[in-house]
Amino acid sequence: MIAIVDYRAGNLTSVRRALEFLGHRCEITDDADKIRAARRVILPGVGAAGATMENLRALGLVEVLRRDVAAADKPFLGICIGIQVLLDRSEEDSAACLGVIAGHVTRYPGSIDGRPLKVPQIGWNRVRQTRAHPIFTGVPDNTHFYFVNSYFPVPDDPKVAIAESDYGVNFVAAVASGKVVATQFHLEKSGAAGLKLLDNFCRLEF
């Protein structure tokens, strides 16, 4: 079973439907024992870093995700806010995050060379694969994916980045470290390419 972590965020149902469409058994759950027992774990969602971490703490899931999922080498996928809270801290709400991947999260600039930059970024954007990773199997380089973000991850170690994109600035669009993989873009909203990445994660032999 694949556990979709329920921390009272939106978009969880869209991820479940995508997985069911692909034929993968999954469950939206906030039960720590079910998350520990799951063969793979997905942390998706939309929202702010502070509220996400507050809800995870209230549900007793912070250490479950740190210790029993990430540190235990269980396949773990973060989507959108799920990539951001994997890092140490976020400028959004000055939030202390999970610290699974060293680094911080920063806001897109409000302007570039004196020209205003619309924040949040909403829409389709080209993703360049910067390091080979099986999550991208069958997905061509420079494929477009769907983003909705005001902040982006800045890992301390650039080697964890597996993809990048541009929105005023060049930014990390996907990371991988051990069995942890995460994307800034919404797989469940990115058409056939997003579904392919979801399917790849569910089938990966790490």
N, C-alpha and C. Protein backbone atom coordinates (compact mmCIF):
# COMPACT_ATOMS: atom_id res chain seq x y z
N MET A 1 0.84 -1.20 0.00
CA MET A 1 0.00 0.00 0.00
C MET A 1 0.88 1.25 0.00
N ILE A 2 0.44 2.27 -0.74
CA ILE A 2 1.12 3.56 -0.77
C ILE A 2 0.35 4.51 0.13
N ALA A 3 1.02 5.11 1.11
CA ALA A 3 0.38 6.04 2.02
C ALA A 3 0.51 7.46 1.49
N ILE A 4 -0.60 8.15 1.36
CA ILE A 4 -0.63 9.58 1.04
C ILE A 4 -0.88 10.29 2.36
N VAL A 5 0.09 11.07 2.81
CA VAL A 5 0.03 11.65 4.16
C VAL A 5 -1.05 12.72 4.23
N ASP A 6 -1.99 12.52 5.14
CA ASP A 6 -3.10 13.46 5.35
C ASP A 6 -2.72 14.42 6.48
N TYR A 7 -2.34 15.63 6.12
CA TYR A 7 -2.02 16.64 7.13
C TYR A 7 -2.95 17.84 6.97
N ARG A 8 -4.17 17.55 6.49
CA ARG A 8 -5.24 18.53 6.36
C ARG A 8 -4.95 19.55 5.26
N ALA A 9 -4.26 19.10 4.21
CA ALA A 9 -3.95 19.97 3.08
C ALA A 9 -4.90 19.68 1.93
N GLY A 10 -4.93 20.58 0.97
CA GLY A 10 -5.71 20.36 -0.24
C GLY A 10 -4.95 19.48 -1.21
N ASN A 11 -5.65 19.01 -2.23
CA ASN A 11 -5.06 18.29 -3.36
C ASN A 11 -4.74 16.82 -3.09
N LEU A 12 -5.02 16.33 -1.90
CA LEU A 12 -4.71 14.94 -1.61
C LEU A 12 -5.56 13.99 -2.45
N THR A 13 -6.82 14.36 -2.65
CA THR A 13 -7.73 13.50 -3.42
C THR A 13 -7.27 13.39 -4.87
N SER A 14 -6.74 14.49 -5.42
CA SER A 14 -6.25 14.45 -6.81
C SER A 14 -5.10 13.46 -6.95
N VAL A 15 -4.23 13.41 -5.95
CA VAL A 15 -3.12 12.46 -5.98
C VAL A 15 -3.65 11.03 -5.88
N ARG A 16 -4.60 10.82 -4.98
CA ARG A 16 -5.18 9.47 -4.84
C ARG A 16 -5.82 9.02 -6.14
N ARG A 17 -6.58 9.90 -6.78
CA ARG A 17 -7.23 9.52 -8.04
C ARG A 17 -6.22 9.20 -9.12
N ALA A 18 -5.14 9.97 -9.15
CA ALA A 18 -4.09 9.71 -10.15
C ALA A 18 -3.46 8.33 -9.92
N LEU A 19 -3.18 8.00 -8.66
CA LEU A 19 -2.59 6.70 -8.35
C LEU A 19 -3.56 5.56 -8.66
N GLU A 20 -4.83 5.75 -8.34
CA GLU A 20 -5.82 4.71 -8.63
C GLU A 20 -5.98 4.53 -10.13
N PHE A 21 -5.93 5.61 -10.89
CA PHE A 21 -5.99 5.54 -12.35
C PHE A 21 -4.83 4.71 -12.90
N LEU A 22 -3.67 4.84 -12.24
CA LEU A 22 -2.48 4.10 -12.66
C LEU A 22 -2.48 2.66 -12.15
N GLY A 23 -3.45 2.32 -11.31
CA GLY A 23 -3.56 0.95 -10.82
C GLY A 23 -2.81 0.66 -9.54
N HIS A 24 -2.46 1.70 -8.79
CA HIS A 24 -1.70 1.50 -7.55
C HIS A 24 -2.62 1.64 -6.34
N ARG A 25 -2.53 0.67 -5.43
CA ARG A 25 -3.35 0.71 -4.22
C ARG A 25 -2.79 1.76 -3.27
N CYS A 26 -3.64 2.63 -2.80
CA CYS A 26 -3.17 3.74 -1.95
C CYS A 26 -4.26 4.12 -0.95
N GLU A 27 -3.84 4.90 0.02
CA GLU A 27 -4.78 5.37 1.05
C GLU A 27 -4.32 6.72 1.57
N ILE A 28 -5.25 7.65 1.70
CA ILE A 28 -4.98 8.91 2.38
C ILE A 28 -5.11 8.65 3.87
N THR A 29 -4.05 8.93 4.63
CA THR A 29 -4.08 8.57 6.05
C THR A 29 -3.21 9.49 6.89
N ASP A 30 -3.66 9.69 8.13
CA ASP A 30 -2.82 10.39 9.12
C ASP A 30 -2.40 9.43 10.24
N ASP A 31 -2.62 8.14 10.01
CA ASP A 31 -2.31 7.11 11.01
C ASP A 31 -0.82 6.77 10.93
N ALA A 32 -0.10 7.03 12.01
CA ALA A 32 1.35 6.82 12.02
C ALA A 32 1.71 5.37 11.73
N ASP A 33 0.95 4.43 12.27
CA ASP A 33 1.26 3.01 12.05
C ASP A 33 1.07 2.61 10.59
N LYS A 34 0.04 3.15 9.95
CA LYS A 34 -0.18 2.86 8.53
C LYS A 34 0.94 3.46 7.67
N ILE A 35 1.39 4.65 8.04
CA ILE A 35 2.48 5.28 7.29
C ILE A 35 3.76 4.47 7.46
N ARG A 36 4.02 4.02 8.68
CA ARG A 36 5.22 3.19 8.91
C ARG A 36 5.15 1.88 8.12
N ALA A 37 3.95 1.31 8.02
CA ALA A 37 3.79 0.01 7.37
C ALA A 37 3.72 0.10 5.85
N ALA A 38 3.46 1.29 5.32
CA ALA A 38 3.32 1.45 3.88
C ALA A 38 4.63 1.13 3.16
N ARG A 39 4.53 0.62 1.94
CA ARG A 39 5.75 0.31 1.19
C ARG A 39 6.34 1.57 0.57
N ARG A 40 5.52 2.60 0.36
CA ARG A 40 5.97 3.90 -0.14
C ARG A 40 5.10 4.98 0.47
N VAL A 41 5.65 6.18 0.57
CA VAL A 41 4.95 7.29 1.21
C VAL A 41 5.02 8.52 0.31
N ILE A 42 3.89 9.22 0.17
CA ILE A 42 3.84 10.45 -0.63
C ILE A 42 3.35 11.59 0.26
N LEU A 43 4.06 12.70 0.22
CA LEU A 43 3.68 13.92 0.95
C LEU A 43 3.39 14.99 -0.10
N PRO A 44 2.13 15.13 -0.50
CA PRO A 44 1.77 16.13 -1.50
C PRO A 44 1.12 17.34 -0.83
N GLY A 45 0.45 18.15 -1.63
CA GLY A 45 -0.37 19.21 -1.04
C GLY A 45 -0.03 20.59 -1.51
N VAL A 46 -0.86 21.52 -1.08
CA VAL A 46 -0.68 22.94 -1.34
C VAL A 46 -0.80 23.67 -0.01
N GLY A 47 -0.25 24.87 0.05
CA GLY A 47 -0.37 25.65 1.27
C GLY A 47 0.95 26.22 1.72
N ALA A 48 0.95 26.75 2.93
CA ALA A 48 2.11 27.44 3.48
C ALA A 48 2.96 26.49 4.32
N ALA A 49 4.26 26.78 4.35
CA ALA A 49 5.18 25.91 5.09
C ALA A 49 4.86 25.89 6.58
N GLY A 50 4.57 27.05 7.16
CA GLY A 50 4.29 27.11 8.59
C GLY A 50 3.09 26.27 8.98
N ALA A 51 1.99 26.41 8.22
CA ALA A 51 0.78 25.65 8.52
C ALA A 51 1.00 24.16 8.29
N THR A 52 1.75 23.82 7.25
CA THR A 52 2.04 22.41 6.98
C THR A 52 2.78 21.78 8.15
N MET A 53 3.84 22.45 8.62
CA MET A 53 4.61 21.91 9.72
C MET A 53 3.80 21.89 11.02
N GLU A 54 2.98 22.90 11.24
CA GLU A 54 2.13 22.93 12.44
C GLU A 54 1.19 21.74 12.45
N ASN A 55 0.58 21.44 11.30
CA ASN A 55 -0.34 20.31 11.22
C ASN A 55 0.38 18.97 11.38
N LEU A 56 1.56 18.85 10.78
CA LEU A 56 2.33 17.61 10.94
C LEU A 56 2.71 17.39 12.41
N ARG A 57 3.10 18.47 13.08
CA ARG A 57 3.43 18.35 14.51
C ARG A 57 2.21 17.96 15.32
N ALA A 58 1.08 18.61 15.06
CA ALA A 58 -0.15 18.33 15.81
C ALA A 58 -0.59 16.88 15.64
N LEU A 59 -0.32 16.31 14.47
CA LEU A 59 -0.71 14.93 14.18
C LEU A 59 0.34 13.92 14.63
N GLY A 60 1.46 14.41 15.16
CA GLY A 60 2.52 13.52 15.60
C GLY A 60 3.25 12.83 14.46
N LEU A 61 3.34 13.50 13.31
CA LEU A 61 3.90 12.87 12.13
C LEU A 61 5.30 13.36 11.76
N VAL A 62 5.81 14.37 12.45
CA VAL A 62 7.12 14.91 12.08
C VAL A 62 8.20 13.84 12.22
N GLU A 63 8.29 13.22 13.39
CA GLU A 63 9.33 12.21 13.60
C GLU A 63 9.04 10.93 12.81
N VAL A 64 7.77 10.66 12.56
CA VAL A 64 7.43 9.50 11.72
C VAL A 64 8.05 9.68 10.34
N LEU A 65 7.89 10.88 9.76
CA LEU A 65 8.43 11.12 8.43
C LEU A 65 9.95 11.20 8.45
N ARG A 66 10.50 11.82 9.49
CA ARG A 66 11.97 11.91 9.58
C ARG A 66 12.62 10.55 9.82
N ARG A 67 12.15 9.87 10.86
CA ARG A 67 12.83 8.67 11.36
C ARG A 67 12.35 7.40 10.67
N ASP A 68 11.02 7.24 10.58
CA ASP A 68 10.46 5.97 10.13
C ASP A 68 10.27 5.89 8.61
N VAL A 69 10.39 7.02 7.94
CA VAL A 69 10.27 7.02 6.48
C VAL A 69 11.61 7.39 5.85
N ALA A 70 12.02 8.65 5.99
CA ALA A 70 13.25 9.10 5.32
C ALA A 70 14.49 8.39 5.84
N ALA A 71 14.70 8.42 7.15
CA ALA A 71 15.91 7.81 7.72
C ALA A 71 15.89 6.29 7.62
N ALA A 72 14.69 5.71 7.52
CA ALA A 72 14.57 4.26 7.41
C ALA A 72 14.70 3.78 5.97
N ASP A 73 14.97 4.70 5.05
CA ASP A 73 15.20 4.35 3.65
C ASP A 73 13.96 3.79 2.97
N LYS A 74 12.80 4.30 3.35
CA LYS A 74 11.56 3.94 2.67
C LYS A 74 11.36 4.91 1.51
N PRO A 75 10.96 4.45 0.33
CA PRO A 75 10.72 5.36 -0.78
C PRO A 75 9.71 6.46 -0.39
N PHE A 76 10.11 7.70 -0.59
CA PHE A 76 9.38 8.86 -0.07
C PHE A 76 9.34 9.92 -1.17
N LEU A 77 8.15 10.34 -1.56
CA LEU A 77 7.96 11.34 -2.61
C LEU A 77 7.30 12.58 -2.05
N GLY A 78 7.93 13.73 -2.24
CA GLY A 78 7.32 15.02 -1.89
C GLY A 78 6.87 15.74 -3.15
N ILE A 79 5.71 16.37 -3.09
CA ILE A 79 5.16 17.11 -4.23
C ILE A 79 4.79 18.51 -3.78
N CYS A 80 5.26 19.53 -4.49
CA CYS A 80 4.95 20.94 -4.24
C CYS A 80 5.39 21.35 -2.83
N ILE A 81 4.47 21.63 -1.91
CA ILE A 81 4.90 21.97 -0.55
C ILE A 81 5.68 20.80 0.05
N GLY A 82 5.46 19.61 -0.50
CA GLY A 82 6.17 18.42 -0.02
C GLY A 82 7.66 18.44 -0.30
N ILE A 83 8.11 19.18 -1.32
CA ILE A 83 9.55 19.33 -1.51
C ILE A 83 10.09 20.38 -0.55
N GLN A 84 9.32 21.44 -0.33
CA GLN A 84 9.81 22.56 0.46
C GLN A 84 10.01 22.18 1.93
N VAL A 85 9.08 21.43 2.49
CA VAL A 85 9.23 21.09 3.92
C VAL A 85 10.25 19.99 4.15
N LEU A 86 10.79 19.40 3.09
CA LEU A 86 11.88 18.43 3.29
C LEU A 86 13.17 19.12 3.71
N LEU A 87 13.31 20.41 3.40
CA LEU A 87 14.54 21.12 3.72
C LEU A 87 14.54 21.56 5.18
N ASP A 88 15.60 22.24 5.60
CA ASP A 88 15.75 22.62 7.02
C ASP A 88 14.79 23.71 7.45
N ARG A 89 14.61 24.70 6.57
CA ARG A 89 13.85 25.88 6.99
C ARG A 89 13.30 26.59 5.76
N SER A 90 12.24 27.36 5.99
CA SER A 90 11.63 28.13 4.91
C SER A 90 11.48 29.59 5.34
N GLU A 91 11.74 30.50 4.41
CA GLU A 91 11.48 31.91 4.67
C GLU A 91 9.99 32.16 4.87
N GLU A 92 9.16 31.31 4.29
CA GLU A 92 7.72 31.45 4.48
C GLU A 92 7.37 31.10 5.92
N ASP A 93 6.85 32.06 6.64
CA ASP A 93 6.49 31.89 8.05
C ASP A 93 7.69 31.62 8.95
N SER A 94 8.92 31.81 8.43
CA SER A 94 10.14 31.48 9.19
C SER A 94 10.03 30.08 9.79
N ALA A 95 9.57 29.15 8.98
CA ALA A 95 9.23 27.82 9.46
C ALA A 95 10.45 26.92 9.56
N ALA A 96 10.57 26.22 10.69
CA ALA A 96 11.52 25.12 10.81
C ALA A 96 10.86 23.90 10.20
N CYS A 97 11.56 23.25 9.26
CA CYS A 97 10.95 22.16 8.48
C CYS A 97 11.54 20.81 8.89
N LEU A 98 11.40 19.81 8.04
CA LEU A 98 11.74 18.45 8.42
C LEU A 98 13.24 18.19 8.49
N GLY A 99 14.02 18.92 7.72
CA GLY A 99 15.46 18.73 7.76
C GLY A 99 15.93 17.41 7.18
N VAL A 100 15.16 16.85 6.27
CA VAL A 100 15.57 15.61 5.60
C VAL A 100 16.67 15.89 4.59
N ILE A 101 16.59 17.04 3.93
CA ILE A 101 17.62 17.49 2.98
C ILE A 101 18.12 18.85 3.46
N ALA A 102 19.43 18.99 3.59
CA ALA A 102 20.00 20.26 4.07
C ALA A 102 19.74 21.37 3.07
N GLY A 103 19.27 22.52 3.59
CA GLY A 103 19.02 23.64 2.72
C GLY A 103 17.88 24.50 3.24
N HIS A 104 17.49 25.49 2.43
CA HIS A 104 16.42 26.40 2.83
C HIS A 104 15.51 26.67 1.63
N VAL A 105 14.42 27.35 1.92
CA VAL A 105 13.42 27.69 0.90
C VAL A 105 13.30 29.21 0.88
N THR A 106 13.33 29.79 -0.31
CA THR A 106 13.30 31.24 -0.44
C THR A 106 12.20 31.67 -1.41
N ARG A 107 11.82 32.93 -1.35
CA ARG A 107 10.74 33.45 -2.18
C ARG A 107 11.28 33.93 -3.53
N TYR A 108 10.48 33.74 -4.57
CA TYR A 108 10.84 34.32 -5.85
C TYR A 108 10.95 35.83 -5.72
N PRO A 109 11.88 36.45 -6.43
CA PRO A 109 12.00 37.91 -6.35
C PRO A 109 10.77 38.60 -6.92
N GLY A 110 10.48 39.77 -6.40
CA GLY A 110 9.32 40.53 -6.88
C GLY A 110 9.57 41.21 -8.20
N SER A 111 10.84 41.33 -8.59
CA SER A 111 11.16 41.96 -9.86
C SER A 111 12.50 41.44 -10.36
N ILE A 112 12.69 41.51 -11.67
CA ILE A 112 13.94 41.12 -12.31
C ILE A 112 14.37 42.27 -13.22
N ASP A 113 15.54 42.83 -12.94
CA ASP A 113 16.05 43.97 -13.74
C ASP A 113 15.04 45.09 -13.84
N GLY A 114 14.37 45.37 -12.71
CA GLY A 114 13.41 46.46 -12.65
C GLY A 114 12.04 46.14 -13.20
N ARG A 115 11.86 44.95 -13.73
CA ARG A 115 10.55 44.55 -14.26
C ARG A 115 9.84 43.67 -13.25
N PRO A 116 8.56 43.94 -12.96
CA PRO A 116 7.84 43.14 -11.97
C PRO A 116 7.76 41.67 -12.39
N LEU A 117 7.86 40.80 -11.41
CA LEU A 117 7.69 39.37 -11.62
C LEU A 117 6.46 38.93 -10.84
N LYS A 118 5.50 38.34 -11.54
CA LYS A 118 4.26 37.93 -10.89
C LYS A 118 4.52 36.74 -9.98
N VAL A 119 4.19 36.90 -8.70
CA VAL A 119 4.34 35.83 -7.72
C VAL A 119 2.99 35.65 -7.03
N PRO A 120 2.46 34.43 -6.97
CA PRO A 120 3.11 33.15 -7.26
C PRO A 120 3.25 32.86 -8.76
N GLN A 121 4.18 31.97 -9.06
CA GLN A 121 4.28 31.37 -10.39
C GLN A 121 3.11 30.40 -10.53
N ILE A 122 2.31 30.59 -11.57
CA ILE A 122 1.20 29.67 -11.82
C ILE A 122 1.20 29.32 -13.29
N GLY A 123 1.37 28.05 -13.60
CA GLY A 123 1.29 27.62 -14.99
C GLY A 123 2.35 26.62 -15.36
N TRP A 124 2.43 26.37 -16.66
CA TRP A 124 3.32 25.36 -17.20
C TRP A 124 4.71 25.93 -17.42
N ASN A 125 5.73 25.13 -17.11
CA ASN A 125 7.10 25.58 -17.25
C ASN A 125 7.98 24.39 -17.66
N ARG A 126 8.99 24.71 -18.46
CA ARG A 126 9.90 23.68 -18.95
C ARG A 126 10.83 23.21 -17.82
N VAL A 127 11.03 21.91 -17.73
CA VAL A 127 11.89 21.33 -16.70
C VAL A 127 13.07 20.64 -17.38
N ARG A 128 14.27 21.05 -17.00
CA ARG A 128 15.50 20.45 -17.54
C ARG A 128 16.05 19.43 -16.55
N GLN A 129 16.33 18.25 -17.04
CA GLN A 129 16.89 17.21 -16.18
C GLN A 129 18.40 17.41 -16.08
N THR A 130 18.88 17.66 -14.87
CA THR A 130 20.30 17.98 -14.68
C THR A 130 21.12 16.79 -14.23
N ARG A 131 20.46 15.74 -13.80
CA ARG A 131 21.16 14.53 -13.38
C ARG A 131 20.26 13.34 -13.65
N ALA A 132 20.82 12.29 -14.20
CA ALA A 132 20.01 11.11 -14.52
C ALA A 132 19.41 10.52 -13.26
N HIS A 133 18.12 10.22 -13.32
CA HIS A 133 17.44 9.58 -12.20
C HIS A 133 16.28 8.77 -12.75
N PRO A 134 16.03 7.56 -12.21
CA PRO A 134 14.98 6.70 -12.76
C PRO A 134 13.57 7.28 -12.64
N ILE A 135 13.35 8.29 -11.81
CA ILE A 135 12.02 8.91 -11.74
C ILE A 135 11.63 9.51 -13.09
N PHE A 136 12.65 9.88 -13.90
CA PHE A 136 12.38 10.50 -15.20
C PHE A 136 12.40 9.49 -16.35
N THR A 137 12.41 8.21 -16.04
CA THR A 137 12.40 7.20 -17.10
C THR A 137 11.20 7.39 -18.02
N GLY A 138 11.47 7.48 -19.32
CA GLY A 138 10.39 7.62 -20.29
C GLY A 138 9.85 9.03 -20.43
N VAL A 139 10.45 10.00 -19.74
CA VAL A 139 10.02 11.40 -19.82
C VAL A 139 11.12 12.22 -20.48
N PRO A 140 10.88 12.80 -21.65
CA PRO A 140 11.93 13.55 -22.34
C PRO A 140 12.40 14.76 -21.54
N ASP A 141 13.66 15.09 -21.73
CA ASP A 141 14.20 16.32 -21.15
C ASP A 141 13.42 17.51 -21.72
N ASN A 142 13.32 18.57 -20.94
CA ASN A 142 12.64 19.81 -21.33
C ASN A 142 11.12 19.65 -21.47
N THR A 143 10.57 18.62 -20.84
CA THR A 143 9.11 18.48 -20.77
C THR A 143 8.53 19.58 -19.89
N HIS A 144 7.33 20.03 -20.22
CA HIS A 144 6.65 21.04 -19.41
C HIS A 144 5.83 20.37 -18.30
N PHE A 145 5.89 20.97 -17.10
CA PHE A 145 5.11 20.53 -15.95
C PHE A 145 4.40 21.74 -15.34
N TYR A 146 3.40 21.45 -14.51
CA TYR A 146 2.55 22.51 -13.96
C TYR A 146 3.02 22.93 -12.56
N PHE A 147 3.23 24.24 -12.38
CA PHE A 147 3.73 24.80 -11.13
C PHE A 147 2.71 25.76 -10.52
N VAL A 148 2.64 25.76 -9.19
CA VAL A 148 1.94 26.81 -8.43
C VAL A 148 2.78 27.07 -7.19
N ASN A 149 3.64 28.07 -7.24
CA ASN A 149 4.59 28.29 -6.14
C ASN A 149 4.94 29.77 -5.97
N SER A 150 5.12 30.16 -4.72
CA SER A 150 5.70 31.48 -4.41
C SER A 150 7.13 31.34 -3.90
N TYR A 151 7.51 30.14 -3.49
CA TYR A 151 8.82 29.87 -2.91
C TYR A 151 9.46 28.69 -3.63
N PHE A 152 10.77 28.58 -3.54
CA PHE A 152 11.46 27.47 -4.18
C PHE A 152 12.61 26.98 -3.31
N PRO A 153 12.99 25.71 -3.46
CA PRO A 153 14.02 25.12 -2.59
C PRO A 153 15.43 25.47 -3.05
N VAL A 154 16.31 25.64 -2.07
CA VAL A 154 17.73 25.88 -2.33
C VAL A 154 18.53 24.89 -1.49
N PRO A 155 18.79 23.69 -2.01
CA PRO A 155 19.55 22.71 -1.22
C PRO A 155 21.00 23.14 -1.05
N ASP A 156 21.58 22.81 0.10
CA ASP A 156 22.99 23.14 0.35
C ASP A 156 23.91 22.43 -0.62
N ASP A 157 23.60 21.18 -0.93
CA ASP A 157 24.42 20.38 -1.83
C ASP A 157 23.78 20.39 -3.21
N PRO A 158 24.38 21.06 -4.19
CA PRO A 158 23.76 21.11 -5.52
C PRO A 158 23.62 19.74 -6.17
N LYS A 159 24.35 18.74 -5.68
CA LYS A 159 24.29 17.42 -6.28
C LYS A 159 22.96 16.71 -6.03
N VAL A 160 22.17 17.18 -5.05
CA VAL A 160 20.87 16.54 -4.83
C VAL A 160 19.85 16.97 -5.87
N ALA A 161 20.12 18.05 -6.59
CA ALA A 161 19.20 18.51 -7.63
C ALA A 161 19.23 17.55 -8.81
N ILE A 162 18.06 17.17 -9.29
CA ILE A 162 17.98 16.32 -10.48
C ILE A 162 17.28 17.04 -11.63
N ALA A 163 16.70 18.22 -11.36
CA ALA A 163 16.06 19.00 -12.41
C ALA A 163 15.99 20.45 -12.00
N GLU A 164 15.91 21.32 -12.99
CA GLU A 164 15.82 22.75 -12.74
C GLU A 164 14.86 23.39 -13.73
N SER A 165 14.45 24.61 -13.42
CA SER A 165 13.59 25.37 -14.31
C SER A 165 13.91 26.85 -14.12
N ASP A 166 13.18 27.70 -14.82
CA ASP A 166 13.40 29.14 -14.74
C ASP A 166 12.09 29.86 -14.51
N TYR A 167 12.11 30.78 -13.58
CA TYR A 167 10.99 31.73 -13.42
C TYR A 167 11.59 33.01 -12.85
N GLY A 168 12.09 33.84 -13.74
CA GLY A 168 12.83 35.02 -13.30
C GLY A 168 14.25 34.66 -12.91
N VAL A 169 14.37 33.60 -12.14
CA VAL A 169 15.67 33.06 -11.74
C VAL A 169 15.69 31.57 -12.06
N ASN A 170 16.88 31.02 -12.18
CA ASN A 170 17.02 29.58 -12.30
C ASN A 170 16.79 28.95 -10.93
N PHE A 171 15.99 27.89 -10.85
CA PHE A 171 15.71 27.29 -9.55
C PHE A 171 15.64 25.77 -9.65
N VAL A 172 15.85 25.11 -8.51
CA VAL A 172 15.77 23.66 -8.44
C VAL A 172 14.31 23.22 -8.51
N ALA A 173 14.01 22.35 -9.45
CA ALA A 173 12.64 21.90 -9.65
C ALA A 173 12.39 20.48 -9.14
N ALA A 174 13.46 19.73 -8.89
CA ALA A 174 13.32 18.38 -8.35
C ALA A 174 14.61 17.98 -7.67
N VAL A 175 14.49 17.18 -6.61
CA VAL A 175 15.66 16.71 -5.86
C VAL A 175 15.55 15.21 -5.62
N ALA A 176 16.69 14.59 -5.35
CA ALA A 176 16.70 13.18 -4.98
C ALA A 176 17.89 12.93 -4.07
N SER A 177 17.64 12.22 -2.99
CA SER A 177 18.70 11.85 -2.04
C SER A 177 18.34 10.49 -1.47
N GLY A 178 19.11 9.46 -1.82
CA GLY A 178 18.73 8.12 -1.39
C GLY A 178 17.39 7.74 -1.98
N LYS A 179 16.46 7.34 -1.12
CA LYS A 179 15.12 6.96 -1.59
C LYS A 179 14.10 8.09 -1.45
N VAL A 180 14.61 9.30 -1.17
CA VAL A 180 13.75 10.49 -1.11
C VAL A 180 13.81 11.20 -2.46
N VAL A 181 12.65 11.44 -3.04
CA VAL A 181 12.54 12.18 -4.31
C VAL A 181 11.45 13.23 -4.11
N ALA A 182 11.64 14.41 -4.70
CA ALA A 182 10.61 15.44 -4.54
C ALA A 182 10.62 16.39 -5.72
N THR A 183 9.44 16.90 -6.04
CA THR A 183 9.31 17.84 -7.17
C THR A 183 8.61 19.11 -6.71
N GLN A 184 9.05 20.22 -7.27
CA GLN A 184 8.40 21.51 -7.03
C GLN A 184 7.09 21.59 -7.80
N PHE A 185 7.00 20.89 -8.91
CA PHE A 185 5.82 20.93 -9.76
C PHE A 185 4.82 19.86 -9.34
N HIS A 186 3.57 20.05 -9.76
CA HIS A 186 2.47 19.14 -9.41
C HIS A 186 2.40 17.99 -10.40
N LEU A 187 2.78 16.80 -9.98
CA LEU A 187 2.69 15.64 -10.86
C LEU A 187 1.25 15.34 -11.23
N GLU A 188 0.35 15.47 -10.26
CA GLU A 188 -1.05 15.10 -10.48
C GLU A 188 -1.79 16.09 -11.37
N LYS A 189 -1.16 17.23 -11.69
CA LYS A 189 -1.79 18.24 -12.56
C LYS A 189 -1.02 18.42 -13.86
N SER A 190 -0.05 17.54 -14.11
CA SER A 190 0.85 17.74 -15.24
C SER A 190 0.62 16.75 -16.37
N GLY A 191 -0.61 16.29 -16.53
CA GLY A 191 -0.96 15.47 -17.66
C GLY A 191 -0.22 14.14 -17.70
N ALA A 192 0.03 13.65 -18.92
CA ALA A 192 0.64 12.34 -19.10
C ALA A 192 2.04 12.27 -18.51
N ALA A 193 2.81 13.36 -18.62
CA ALA A 193 4.18 13.35 -18.09
C ALA A 193 4.17 13.24 -16.57
N GLY A 194 3.26 13.97 -15.92
CA GLY A 194 3.17 13.88 -14.47
C GLY A 194 2.75 12.50 -14.01
N LEU A 195 1.80 11.90 -14.72
CA LEU A 195 1.37 10.55 -14.38
C LEU A 195 2.52 9.55 -14.57
N LYS A 196 3.33 9.77 -15.59
CA LYS A 196 4.47 8.87 -15.81
C LYS A 196 5.45 8.93 -14.65
N LEU A 197 5.73 10.15 -14.14
CA LEU A 197 6.63 10.27 -13.00
C LEU A 197 6.03 9.61 -11.76
N LEU A 198 4.74 9.78 -11.55
CA LEU A 198 4.08 9.12 -10.41
C LEU A 198 4.20 7.60 -10.54
N ASP A 199 3.95 7.10 -11.73
CA ASP A 199 4.02 5.67 -11.96
C ASP A 199 5.46 5.17 -11.75
N ASN A 200 6.42 5.95 -12.25
CA ASN A 200 7.82 5.57 -12.05
C ASN A 200 8.17 5.46 -10.57
N PHE A 201 7.71 6.44 -9.79
CA PHE A 201 7.99 6.39 -8.35
C PHE A 201 7.40 5.13 -7.73
N CYS A 202 6.20 4.79 -8.12
CA CYS A 202 5.52 3.64 -7.52
C CYS A 202 6.17 2.31 -7.91
N ARG A 203 6.91 2.30 -9.00
CA ARG A 203 7.51 1.07 -9.50
C ARG A 203 9.02 1.01 -9.29
N LEU A 204 9.61 2.11 -8.84
CA LEU A 204 11.07 2.19 -8.73
C LEU A 204 11.64 1.10 -7.84
N GLU A 205 12.72 0.50 -8.28
CA GLU A 205 13.51 -0.38 -7.43
C GLU A 205 14.78 0.40 -7.06
N PHE A 206 14.79 0.97 -5.87
CA PHE A 206 15.90 1.82 -5.46
C PHE A 206 17.12 0.96 -5.11
